[in-house]
């Protein structure tokens, strides 16, 4: 359930911090949300190994997203983006190892 609520919460953080005001910032964040939801739905529909690979790469891509947010200081606080980026990269890496070691 958290995965369905958190993206909207992050946008609310951006509104509260007034970091969505720059040119194109809100549009980029909303495009990221649409991409995240799309990949999630495709992973669920695909299921099995394909779904697992999509989730693993989704974690890694999100780590990159966090890195961009950390460097720009947009939407999420920098410390949170740093923590989330490290966590996302670790989870994505562990998922890849798990996928590669199972049959």
PDB file of N, CA and C in Angstrom:
ATOM      1  N   UNK A   1       0.821  -1.193   0.000  1.00  0.00           N
ATOM      2  CA  UNK A   1       0.000   0.000   0.000  1.00  0.00           C
ATOM      3  C   UNK A   1       0.868   1.262   0.000  1.00  0.00           C
ATOM      4  N   UNK A   2       2.001   1.207   0.701  1.00  0.00           N
ATOM      5  CA  UNK A   2       2.877   2.374   0.758  1.00  0.00           C
ATOM      6  C   UNK A   2       3.311   2.811  -0.628  1.00  0.00           C
ATOM      7  N   UNK A   3       3.574   1.839  -1.518  1.00  0.00           N
ATOM      8  CA  UNK A   3       4.039   2.181  -2.854  1.00  0.00           C
ATOM      9  C   UNK A   3       2.991   2.953  -3.644  1.00  0.00           C
ATOM     10  N   UNK A   4       1.747   2.799  -3.288  1.00  0.00           N
ATOM     11  CA  UNK A   4       0.695   3.535  -3.985  1.00  0.00           C
ATOM     12  C   UNK A   4       0.514   4.943  -3.421  1.00  0.00           C
ATOM     13  N   UNK A   5       0.924   5.173  -2.188  1.00  0.00           N
ATOM     14  CA  UNK A   5       0.706   6.450  -1.517  1.00  0.00           C
ATOM     15  C   UNK A   5       1.938   7.344  -1.571  1.00  0.00           C
ATOM     16  N   UNK A   6       3.125   6.761  -1.482  1.00  0.00           N
ATOM     17  CA  UNK A   6       4.349   7.541  -1.363  1.00  0.00           C
ATOM     18  C   UNK A   6       4.606   8.514  -2.513  1.00  0.00           C
ATOM     19  N   UNK A   7       4.415   8.130  -3.779  1.00  0.00           N
ATOM     20  CA  UNK A   7       4.692   9.102  -4.850  1.00  0.00           C
ATOM     21  C   UNK A   7       3.871  10.382  -4.716  1.00  0.00           C
ATOM     22  N   UNK A   8       2.612  10.241  -4.370  1.00  0.00           N
ATOM     23  CA  UNK A   8       1.783  11.426  -4.142  1.00  0.00           C
ATOM     24  C   UNK A   8       2.272  12.221  -2.945  1.00  0.00           C
ATOM     25  N   UNK A   9       2.739  11.513  -1.926  1.00  0.00           N
ATOM     26  CA  UNK A   9       3.283  12.176  -0.745  1.00  0.00           C
ATOM     27  C   UNK A   9       4.517  12.997  -1.077  1.00  0.00           C
ATOM     28  N   UNK A  10       5.355  12.474  -1.956  1.00  0.00           N
ATOM     29  CA  UNK A  10       6.559  13.204  -2.353  1.00  0.00           C
ATOM     30  C   UNK A  10       6.199  14.479  -3.114  1.00  0.00           C
ATOM     31  N   UNK A  11       5.165  14.407  -3.926  1.00  0.00           N
ATOM     32  CA  UNK A  11       4.725  15.618  -4.616  1.00  0.00           C
ATOM     33  C   UNK A  11       4.190  16.643  -3.608  1.00  0.00           C
ATOM     34  N   UNK A  12       3.501  16.154  -2.577  1.00  0.00           N
ATOM     35  CA  UNK A  12       3.028  17.075  -1.531  1.00  0.00           C
ATOM     36  C   UNK A  12       4.199  17.707  -0.784  1.00  0.00           C
ATOM     37  N   UNK A  13       5.269  16.928  -0.571  1.00  0.00           N
ATOM     38  CA  UNK A  13       6.471  17.488   0.055  1.00  0.00           C
ATOM     39  C   UNK A  13       7.009  18.623  -0.813  1.00  0.00           C
ATOM     40  N   UNK A  14       7.040  18.391  -2.114  1.00  0.00           N
ATOM     41  CA  UNK A  14       7.507  19.432  -3.030  1.00  0.00           C
ATOM     42  C   UNK A  14       6.648  20.675  -2.985  1.00  0.00           C
ATOM     43  N   UNK A  15       5.342  20.494  -2.864  1.00  0.00           N
ATOM     44  CA  UNK A  15       4.432  21.637  -2.759  1.00  0.00           C
ATOM     45  C   UNK A  15       4.700  22.373  -1.448  1.00  0.00           C
ATOM     46  N   UNK A  16       4.822  21.618  -0.347  1.00  0.00           N
ATOM     47  CA  UNK A  16       5.056  22.239   0.962  1.00  0.00           C
ATOM     48  C   UNK A  16       6.393  22.978   1.003  1.00  0.00           C
ATOM     49  N   UNK A  17       7.413  22.418   0.359  1.00  0.00           N
ATOM     50  CA  UNK A  17       8.735  23.061   0.348  1.00  0.00           C
ATOM     51  C   UNK A  17       8.855  24.119  -0.748  1.00  0.00           C
ATOM     52  N   UNK A  18       7.826  24.230  -1.567  1.00  0.00           N
ATOM     53  CA  UNK A  18       7.799  25.189  -2.679  1.00  0.00           C
ATOM     54  C   UNK A  18       8.953  24.966  -3.653  1.00  0.00           C
ATOM     55  N   UNK A  19       9.213  23.687  -3.933  1.00  0.00           N
ATOM     56  CA  UNK A  19      10.302  23.348  -4.853  1.00  0.00           C
ATOM     57  C   UNK A  19       9.795  22.927  -6.225  1.00  0.00           C
ATOM     58  N   UNK A  20       8.499  22.995  -6.438  1.00  0.00           N
ATOM     59  CA  UNK A  20       7.938  22.597  -7.733  1.00  0.00           C
ATOM     60  C   UNK A  20       7.644  23.801  -8.623  1.00  0.00           C
ATOM     61  N   UNK A  21       8.142  24.956  -8.261  1.00  0.00           N
ATOM     62  CA  UNK A  21       7.792  26.187  -8.966  1.00  0.00           C
ATOM     63  C   UNK A  21       8.642  26.477 -10.192  1.00  0.00           C
ATOM     64  N   UNK A  22       9.810  25.889 -10.298  1.00  0.00           N
ATOM     65  CA  UNK A  22      10.687  26.188 -11.432  1.00  0.00           C
ATOM     66  C   UNK A  22      10.068  25.745 -12.749  1.00  0.00           C
ATOM     67  N   UNK A  23      10.617  26.233 -13.851  1.00  0.00           N
ATOM     68  CA  UNK A  23      10.069  25.862 -15.152  1.00  0.00           C
ATOM     69  C   UNK A  23      10.213  24.359 -15.416  1.00  0.00           C
ATOM     70  N   UNK A  24       9.106  23.704 -15.619  1.00  0.00           N
ATOM     71  CA  UNK A  24       9.101  22.295 -15.977  1.00  0.00           C
ATOM     72  C   UNK A  24       9.275  21.324 -14.825  1.00  0.00           C
ATOM     73  N   UNK A  25       9.480  21.812 -13.607  1.00  0.00           N
ATOM     74  CA  UNK A  25       9.739  20.905 -12.481  1.00  0.00           C
ATOM     75  C   UNK A  25       8.536  20.011 -12.210  1.00  0.00           C
ATOM     76  N   UNK A  26       7.362  20.588 -12.108  1.00  0.00           N
ATOM     77  CA  UNK A  26       6.165  19.788 -11.844  1.00  0.00           C
ATOM     78  C   UNK A  26       5.915  18.809 -12.981  1.00  0.00           C
ATOM     79  N   UNK A  27       6.090  19.241 -14.220  1.00  0.00           N
ATOM     80  CA  UNK A  27       5.871  18.362 -15.372  1.00  0.00           C
ATOM     81  C   UNK A  27       6.826  17.164 -15.332  1.00  0.00           C
ATOM     82  N   UNK A  28       8.077  17.398 -14.970  1.00  0.00           N
ATOM     83  CA  UNK A  28       9.052  16.304 -14.884  1.00  0.00           C
ATOM     84  C   UNK A  28       8.660  15.339 -13.781  1.00  0.00           C
ATOM     85  N   UNK A  29       8.256  15.862 -12.633  1.00  0.00           N
ATOM     86  CA  UNK A  29       7.852  14.995 -11.523  1.00  0.00           C
ATOM     87  C   UNK A  29       6.618  14.173 -11.895  1.00  0.00           C
ATOM     88  N   UNK A  30       5.657  14.799 -12.559  1.00  0.00           N
ATOM     89  CA  UNK A  30       4.457  14.060 -12.971  1.00  0.00           C
ATOM     90  C   UNK A  30       4.778  13.025 -14.040  1.00  0.00           C
ATOM     91  N   UNK A  31       5.687  13.346 -14.956  1.00  0.00           N
ATOM     92  CA  UNK A  31       6.111  12.361 -15.962  1.00  0.00           C
ATOM     93  C   UNK A  31       6.798  11.180 -15.289  1.00  0.00           C
ATOM     94  N   UNK A  32       7.606  11.457 -14.273  1.00  0.00           N
ATOM     95  CA  UNK A  32       8.242  10.375 -13.515  1.00  0.00           C
ATOM     96  C   UNK A  32       7.211   9.500 -12.828  1.00  0.00           C
ATOM     97  N   UNK A  33       6.182  10.120 -12.278  1.00  0.00           N
ATOM     98  CA  UNK A  33       5.107   9.362 -11.630  1.00  0.00           C
ATOM     99  C   UNK A  33       4.379   8.472 -12.632  1.00  0.00           C
ATOM    100  N   UNK A  34       4.076   9.023 -13.792  1.00  0.00           N
ATOM    101  CA  UNK A  34       3.397   8.235 -14.832  1.00  0.00           C
ATOM    102  C   UNK A  34       4.284   7.064 -15.275  1.00  0.00           C
ATOM    103  N   UNK A  35       5.576   7.307 -15.445  1.00  0.00           N
ATOM    104  CA  UNK A  35       6.497   6.238 -15.839  1.00  0.00           C
ATOM    105  C   UNK A  35       6.559   5.166 -14.761  1.00  0.00           C
ATOM    106  N   UNK A  36       6.622   5.575 -13.503  1.00  0.00           N
ATOM    107  CA  UNK A  36       6.686   4.627 -12.388  1.00  0.00           C
ATOM    108  C   UNK A  36       5.431   3.749 -12.355  1.00  0.00           C
ATOM    109  N   UNK A  37       4.266   4.368 -12.485  1.00  0.00           N
ATOM    110  CA  UNK A  37       3.009   3.609 -12.474  1.00  0.00           C
ATOM    111  C   UNK A  37       2.955   2.656 -13.669  1.00  0.00           C
ATOM    112  N   UNK A  38       3.388   3.118 -14.826  1.00  0.00           N
ATOM    113  CA  UNK A  38       3.374   2.278 -16.029  1.00  0.00           C
ATOM    114  C   UNK A  38       4.264   1.049 -15.861  1.00  0.00           C
ATOM    115  N   UNK A  39       5.490   1.253 -15.399  1.00  0.00           N
ATOM    116  CA  UNK A  39       6.407   0.117 -15.201  1.00  0.00           C
ATOM    117  C   UNK A  39       5.850  -0.835 -14.150  1.00  0.00           C
ATOM    118  N   UNK A  40       5.243  -0.288 -13.099  1.00  0.00           N
ATOM    119  CA  UNK A  40       4.645  -1.132 -12.061  1.00  0.00           C
ATOM    120  C   UNK A  40       3.548  -2.012 -12.644  1.00  0.00           C
ATOM    121  N   UNK A  41       2.670  -1.422 -13.431  1.00  0.00           N
ATOM    122  CA  UNK A  41       1.570  -2.193 -14.029  1.00  0.00           C
ATOM    123  C   UNK A  41       2.078  -3.240 -15.009  1.00  0.00           C
ATOM    124  N   UNK A  42       3.085  -2.886 -15.802  1.00  0.00           N
ATOM    125  CA  UNK A  42       3.666  -3.855 -16.743  1.00  0.00           C
ATOM    126  C   UNK A  42       4.322  -5.004 -15.977  1.00  0.00           C
ATOM    127  N   UNK A  43       5.024  -4.701 -14.886  1.00  0.00           N
ATOM    128  CA  UNK A  43       5.675  -5.745 -14.083  1.00  0.00           C
ATOM    129  C   UNK A  43       4.647  -6.687 -13.475  1.00  0.00           C
ATOM    130  N   UNK A  44       3.551  -6.123 -12.986  1.00  0.00           N
ATOM    131  CA  UNK A  44       2.496  -6.953 -12.403  1.00  0.00           C
ATOM    132  C   UNK A  44       1.860  -7.821 -13.487  1.00  0.00           C
ATOM    133  N   UNK A  45       1.587  -7.245 -14.652  1.00  0.00           N
ATOM    134  CA  UNK A  45       0.971  -7.998 -15.743  1.00  0.00           C
ATOM    135  C   UNK A  45       1.905  -9.091 -16.256  1.00  0.00           C
ATOM    136  N   UNK A  46       3.192  -8.786 -16.346  1.00  0.00           N
ATOM    137  CA  UNK A  46       4.158  -9.758 -16.864  1.00  0.00           C
ATOM    138  C   UNK A  46       4.379 -10.889 -15.868  1.00  0.00           C
ATOM    139  N   UNK A  47       4.514 -10.549 -14.604  1.00  0.00           N
ATOM    140  CA  UNK A  47       4.747 -11.555 -13.579  1.00  0.00           C
ATOM    141  C   UNK A  47       6.051 -12.310 -13.788  1.00  0.00           C
ATOM    142  N   UNK A  48       6.278 -13.322 -12.989  1.00  0.00           N
ATOM    143  CA  UNK A  48       7.433 -14.200 -13.126  1.00  0.00           C
ATOM    144  C   UNK A  48       8.766 -13.471 -13.185  1.00  0.00           C
ATOM    145  N   UNK A  49       9.689 -14.052 -13.957  1.00  0.00           N
ATOM    146  CA  UNK A  49      11.042 -13.482 -14.083  1.00  0.00           C
ATOM    147  C   UNK A  49      11.048 -12.122 -14.767  1.00  0.00           C
ATOM    148  N   UNK A  50      10.216 -11.955 -15.767  1.00  0.00           N
ATOM    149  CA  UNK A  50      10.164 -10.667 -16.463  1.00  0.00           C
ATOM    150  C   UNK A  50       9.735  -9.570 -15.508  1.00  0.00           C
ATOM    151  N   UNK A  51       8.712  -9.833 -14.727  1.00  0.00           N
ATOM    152  CA  UNK A  51       8.263  -8.864 -13.740  1.00  0.00           C
ATOM    153  C   UNK A  51       9.341  -8.575 -12.709  1.00  0.00           C
ATOM    154  N   UNK A  52      10.055  -9.621 -12.289  1.00  0.00           N
ATOM    155  CA  UNK A  52      11.126  -9.431 -11.312  1.00  0.00           C
ATOM    156  C   UNK A  52      12.240  -8.551 -11.882  1.00  0.00           C
ATOM    157  N   UNK A  53      12.618  -8.789 -13.146  1.00  0.00           N
ATOM    158  CA  UNK A  53      13.646  -7.951 -13.778  1.00  0.00           C
ATOM    159  C   UNK A  53      13.186  -6.497 -13.882  1.00  0.00           C
ATOM    160  N   UNK A  54      11.925  -6.295 -14.230  1.00  0.00           N
ATOM    161  CA  UNK A  54      11.406  -4.928 -14.320  1.00  0.00           C
ATOM    162  C   UNK A  54      11.452  -4.229 -12.968  1.00  0.00           C
ATOM    163  N   UNK A  55      11.114  -4.950 -11.912  1.00  0.00           N
ATOM    164  CA  UNK A  55      11.158  -4.361 -10.576  1.00  0.00           C
ATOM    165  C   UNK A  55      12.601  -4.038 -10.187  1.00  0.00           C
ATOM    166  N   UNK A  56      13.527  -4.965 -10.455  1.00  0.00           N
ATOM    167  CA  UNK A  56      14.937  -4.736 -10.117  1.00  0.00           C
ATOM    168  C   UNK A  56      15.487  -3.515 -10.843  1.00  0.00           C
ATOM    169  N   UNK A  57      15.246  -3.430 -12.138  1.00  0.00           N
ATOM    170  CA  UNK A  57      15.729  -2.270 -12.888  1.00  0.00           C
ATOM    171  C   UNK A  57      14.991  -0.994 -12.484  1.00  0.00           C
ATOM    172  N   UNK A  58      13.732  -1.144 -12.086  1.00  0.00           N
ATOM    173  CA  UNK A  58      12.990   0.008 -11.574  1.00  0.00           C
ATOM    174  C   UNK A  58      13.647   0.583 -10.324  1.00  0.00           C
ATOM    175  N   UNK A  59      14.115  -0.293  -9.424  1.00  0.00           N
ATOM    176  CA  UNK A  59      14.839   0.179  -8.235  1.00  0.00           C
ATOM    177  C   UNK A  59      16.096   0.934  -8.637  1.00  0.00           C
ATOM    178  N   UNK A  60      16.830   0.402  -9.605  1.00  0.00           N
ATOM    179  CA  UNK A  60      18.075   1.052 -10.026  1.00  0.00           C
ATOM    180  C   UNK A  60      17.809   2.391 -10.703  1.00  0.00           C
ATOM    181  N   UNK A  61      16.786   2.451 -11.533  1.00  0.00           N
ATOM    182  CA  UNK A  61      16.440   3.713 -12.184  1.00  0.00           C
ATOM    183  C   UNK A  61      15.992   4.733 -11.133  1.00  0.00           C
ATOM    184  N   UNK A  62      15.256   4.259 -10.143  1.00  0.00           N
ATOM    185  CA  UNK A  62      14.819   5.173  -9.091  1.00  0.00           C
ATOM    186  C   UNK A  62      16.008   5.693  -8.283  1.00  0.00           C
ATOM    187  N   UNK A  63      17.038   4.877  -8.123  1.00  0.00           N
ATOM    188  CA  UNK A  63      18.257   5.357  -7.453  1.00  0.00           C
ATOM    189  C   UNK A  63      18.858   6.521  -8.242  1.00  0.00           C
ATOM    190  N   UNK A  64      18.831   6.420  -9.562  1.00  0.00           N
ATOM    191  CA  UNK A  64      19.301   7.523 -10.403  1.00  0.00           C
ATOM    192  C   UNK A  64      18.428   8.754 -10.256  1.00  0.00           C
ATOM    193  N   UNK A  65      17.138   8.547 -10.171  1.00  0.00           N
ATOM    194  CA  UNK A  65      16.182   9.641  -9.960  1.00  0.00           C
ATOM    195  C   UNK A  65      16.490  10.344  -8.637  1.00  0.00           C
ATOM    196  N   UNK A  66      16.764   9.539  -7.611  1.00  0.00           N
ATOM    197  CA  UNK A  66      17.122  10.110  -6.310  1.00  0.00           C
ATOM    198  C   UNK A  66      18.420  10.902  -6.387  1.00  0.00           C
ATOM    199  N   UNK A  67      19.366  10.415  -7.167  1.00  0.00           N
ATOM    200  CA  UNK A  67      20.635  11.131  -7.323  1.00  0.00           C
ATOM    201  C   UNK A  67      20.395  12.511  -7.948  1.00  0.00           C
ATOM    202  N   UNK A  68      19.555  12.551  -8.960  1.00  0.00           N
ATOM    203  CA  UNK A  68      19.231  13.838  -9.587  1.00  0.00           C
ATOM    204  C   UNK A  68      18.554  14.761  -8.577  1.00  0.00           C
ATOM    205  N   UNK A  69      17.599  14.224  -7.814  1.00  0.00           N
ATOM    206  CA  UNK A  69      16.922  15.042  -6.806  1.00  0.00           C
ATOM    207  C   UNK A  69      17.893  15.493  -5.721  1.00  0.00           C
ATOM    208  N   UNK A  70      18.846  14.651  -5.373  1.00  0.00           N
ATOM    209  CA  UNK A  70      19.847  15.026  -4.372  1.00  0.00           C
ATOM    210  C   UNK A  70      20.704  16.177  -4.882  1.00  0.00           C
ATOM    211  N   UNK A  71      21.142  16.068  -6.127  1.00  0.00           N
ATOM    212  CA  UNK A  71      22.019  17.097  -6.698  1.00  0.00           C
ATOM    213  C   UNK A  71      21.301  18.421  -6.909  1.00  0.00           C
ATOM    214  N   UNK A  72      20.022  18.361  -7.263  1.00  0.00           N
ATOM    215  CA  UNK A  72      19.282  19.599  -7.530  1.00  0.00           C
ATOM    216  C   UNK A  72      18.595  20.151  -6.290  1.00  0.00           C
ATOM    217  N   UNK A  73      18.381  19.294  -5.284  1.00  0.00           N
ATOM    218  CA  UNK A  73      17.676  19.725  -4.076  1.00  0.00           C
ATOM    219  C   UNK A  73      16.194  19.929  -4.295  1.00  0.00           C
ATOM    220  N   UNK A  74      15.654  19.340  -5.360  1.00  0.00           N
ATOM    221  CA  UNK A  74      14.238  19.525  -5.675  1.00  0.00           C
ATOM    222  C   UNK A  74      13.377  18.456  -5.029  1.00  0.00           C
ATOM    223  N   UNK A  75      12.184  18.822  -4.715  1.00  0.00           N
ATOM    224  CA  UNK A  75      11.096  18.002  -4.191  1.00  0.00           C
ATOM    225  C   UNK A  75      11.435  17.412  -2.824  1.00  0.00           C
ATOM    226  N   UNK A  76      12.227  16.363  -2.775  1.00  0.00           N
ATOM    227  CA  UNK A  76      12.551  15.718  -1.498  1.00  0.00           C
ATOM    228  C   UNK A  76      13.764  16.391  -0.865  1.00  0.00           C
ATOM    229  N   UNK A  77      13.811  16.437   0.456  1.00  0.00           N
ATOM    230  CA  UNK A  77      15.005  16.966   1.119  1.00  0.00           C
ATOM    231  C   UNK A  77      16.247  16.168   0.710  1.00  0.00           C
ATOM    232  N   UNK A  78      17.381  16.826   0.613  1.00  0.00           N
ATOM    233  CA  UNK A  78      18.613  16.184   0.122  1.00  0.00           C
ATOM    234  C   UNK A  78      18.996  14.950   0.924  1.00  0.00           C
ATOM    235  N   UNK A  79      18.904  15.024   2.241  1.00  0.00           N
ATOM    236  CA  UNK A  79      19.256  13.868   3.066  1.00  0.00           C
ATOM    237  C   UNK A  79      18.371  12.671   2.782  1.00  0.00           C
ATOM    238  N   UNK A  80      17.097  12.944   2.562  1.00  0.00           N
ATOM    239  CA  UNK A  80      16.166  11.861   2.243  1.00  0.00           C
ATOM    240  C   UNK A  80      16.491  11.267   0.883  1.00  0.00           C
ATOM    241  N   UNK A  81      16.774  12.108  -0.100  1.00  0.00           N
ATOM    242  CA  UNK A  81      17.108  11.620  -1.437  1.00  0.00           C
ATOM    243  C   UNK A  81      18.378  10.776  -1.394  1.00  0.00           C
ATOM    244  N   UNK A  82      19.345  11.181  -0.581  1.00  0.00           N
ATOM    245  CA  UNK A  82      20.591  10.419  -0.451  1.00  0.00           C
ATOM    246  C   UNK A  82      20.325   9.040   0.155  1.00  0.00           C
ATOM    247  N   UNK A  83      19.583   9.004   1.254  1.00  0.00           N
ATOM    248  CA  UNK A  83      19.249   7.738   1.901  1.00  0.00           C
ATOM    249  C   UNK A  83      18.477   6.830   0.953  1.00  0.00           C
ATOM    250  N   UNK A  84      17.471   7.397   0.302  1.00  0.00           N
ATOM    251  CA  UNK A  84      16.616   6.622  -0.597  1.00  0.00           C
ATOM    252  C   UNK A  84      17.414   6.099  -1.787  1.00  0.00           C
ATOM    253  N   UNK A  85      18.323   6.903  -2.322  1.00  0.00           N
ATOM    254  CA  UNK A  85      19.134   6.466  -3.453  1.00  0.00           C
ATOM    255  C   UNK A  85      20.012   5.284  -3.109  1.00  0.00           C
ATOM    256  N   UNK A  86      20.647   5.327  -1.951  1.00  0.00           N
ATOM    257  CA  UNK A  86      21.494   4.209  -1.522  1.00  0.00           C
ATOM    258  C   UNK A  86      20.644   2.965  -1.297  1.00  0.00           C
ATOM    259  N   UNK A  87      19.509   3.132  -0.630  1.00  0.00           N
ATOM    260  CA  UNK A  87      18.614   2.006  -0.377  1.00  0.00           C
ATOM    261  C   UNK A  87      18.106   1.405  -1.688  1.00  0.00           C
ATOM    262  N   UNK A  88      17.684   2.256  -2.626  1.00  0.00           N
ATOM    263  CA  UNK A  88      17.170   1.775  -3.907  1.00  0.00           C
ATOM    264  C   UNK A  88      18.236   1.011  -4.688  1.00  0.00           C
ATOM    265  N   UNK A  89      19.466   1.531  -4.706  1.00  0.00           N
ATOM    266  CA  UNK A  89      20.551   0.857  -5.423  1.00  0.00           C
ATOM    267  C   UNK A  89      20.852  -0.498  -4.783  1.00  0.00           C
ATOM    268  N   UNK A  90      20.857  -0.550  -3.461  1.00  0.00           N
ATOM    269  CA  UNK A  90      21.119  -1.816  -2.767  1.00  0.00           C
ATOM    270  C   UNK A  90      20.010  -2.828  -3.047  1.00  0.00           C
ATOM    271  N   UNK A  91      18.764  -2.398  -2.990  1.00  0.00           N
ATOM    272  CA  UNK A  91      17.648  -3.307  -3.261  1.00  0.00           C
ATOM    273  C   UNK A  91      17.666  -3.802  -4.704  1.00  0.00           C
ATOM    274  N   UNK A  92      17.928  -2.895  -5.642  1.00  0.00           N
ATOM    275  CA  UNK A  92      18.007  -3.306  -7.047  1.00  0.00           C
ATOM    276  C   UNK A  92      19.120  -4.304  -7.266  1.00  0.00           C
ATOM    277  N   UNK A  93      20.278  -4.058  -6.684  1.00  0.00           N
ATOM    278  CA  UNK A  93      21.400  -4.984  -6.808  1.00  0.00           C
ATOM    279  C   UNK A  93      21.104  -6.340  -6.196  1.00  0.00           C
ATOM    280  N   UNK A  94      20.485  -6.339  -5.022  1.00  0.00           N
ATOM    281  CA  UNK A  94      20.134  -7.611  -4.377  1.00  0.00           C
ATOM    282  C   UNK A  94      19.106  -8.376  -5.185  1.00  0.00           C
ATOM    283  N   UNK A  95      18.150  -7.660  -5.773  1.00  0.00           N
ATOM    284  CA  UNK A  95      17.159  -8.343  -6.601  1.00  0.00           C
ATOM    285  C   UNK A  95      17.813  -8.983  -7.815  1.00  0.00           C
ATOM    286  N   UNK A  96      18.750  -8.276  -8.435  1.00  0.00           N
ATOM    287  CA  UNK A  96      19.444  -8.847  -9.604  1.00  0.00           C
ATOM    288  C   UNK A  96      20.194 -10.100  -9.186  1.00  0.00           C
ATOM    289  N   UNK A  97      20.892 -10.051  -8.061  1.00  0.00           N
ATOM    290  CA  UNK A  97      21.600 -11.246  -7.592  1.00  0.00           C
ATOM    291  C   UNK A  97      20.624 -12.387  -7.314  1.00  0.00           C
ATOM    292  N   UNK A  98      19.485 -12.073  -6.710  1.00  0.00           N
ATOM    293  CA  UNK A  98      18.487 -13.104  -6.415  1.00  0.00           C
ATOM    294  C   UNK A  98      17.926 -13.706  -7.695  1.00  0.00           C
ATOM    295  N   UNK A  99      17.652 -12.889  -8.689  1.00  0.00           N
ATOM    296  CA  UNK A  99      17.111 -13.377  -9.960  1.00  0.00           C
ATOM    297  C   UNK A  99      18.129 -14.281 -10.650  1.00  0.00           C
ATOM    298  N   UNK A 100      19.383 -13.855 -10.630  1.00  0.00           N
ATOM    299  CA  UNK A 100      20.424 -14.608 -11.338  1.00  0.00           C
ATOM    300  C   UNK A 100      20.782 -15.925 -10.650  1.00  0.00           C
ATOM    301  N   UNK A 101      20.488 -16.048  -9.367  1.00  0.00           N
ATOM    302  CA  UNK A 101      20.849 -17.277  -8.650  1.00  0.00           C
ATOM    303  C   UNK A 101      19.687 -18.234  -8.490  1.00  0.00           C
ATOM    304  N   UNK A 102      18.514 -17.864  -9.000  1.00  0.00           N
ATOM    305  CA  UNK A 102      17.360 -18.774  -8.927  1.00  0.00           C
ATOM    306  C   UNK A 102      17.049 -19.294 -10.325  1.00  0.00           C
ATOM    307  N   UNK A 103      16.419 -20.435 -10.326  1.00  0.00           N
ATOM    308  CA  UNK A 103      16.059 -21.010 -11.640  1.00  0.00           C
ATOM    309  C   UNK A 103      14.604 -20.849 -11.929  1.00  0.00           C
TER     310      UNK A 103
END
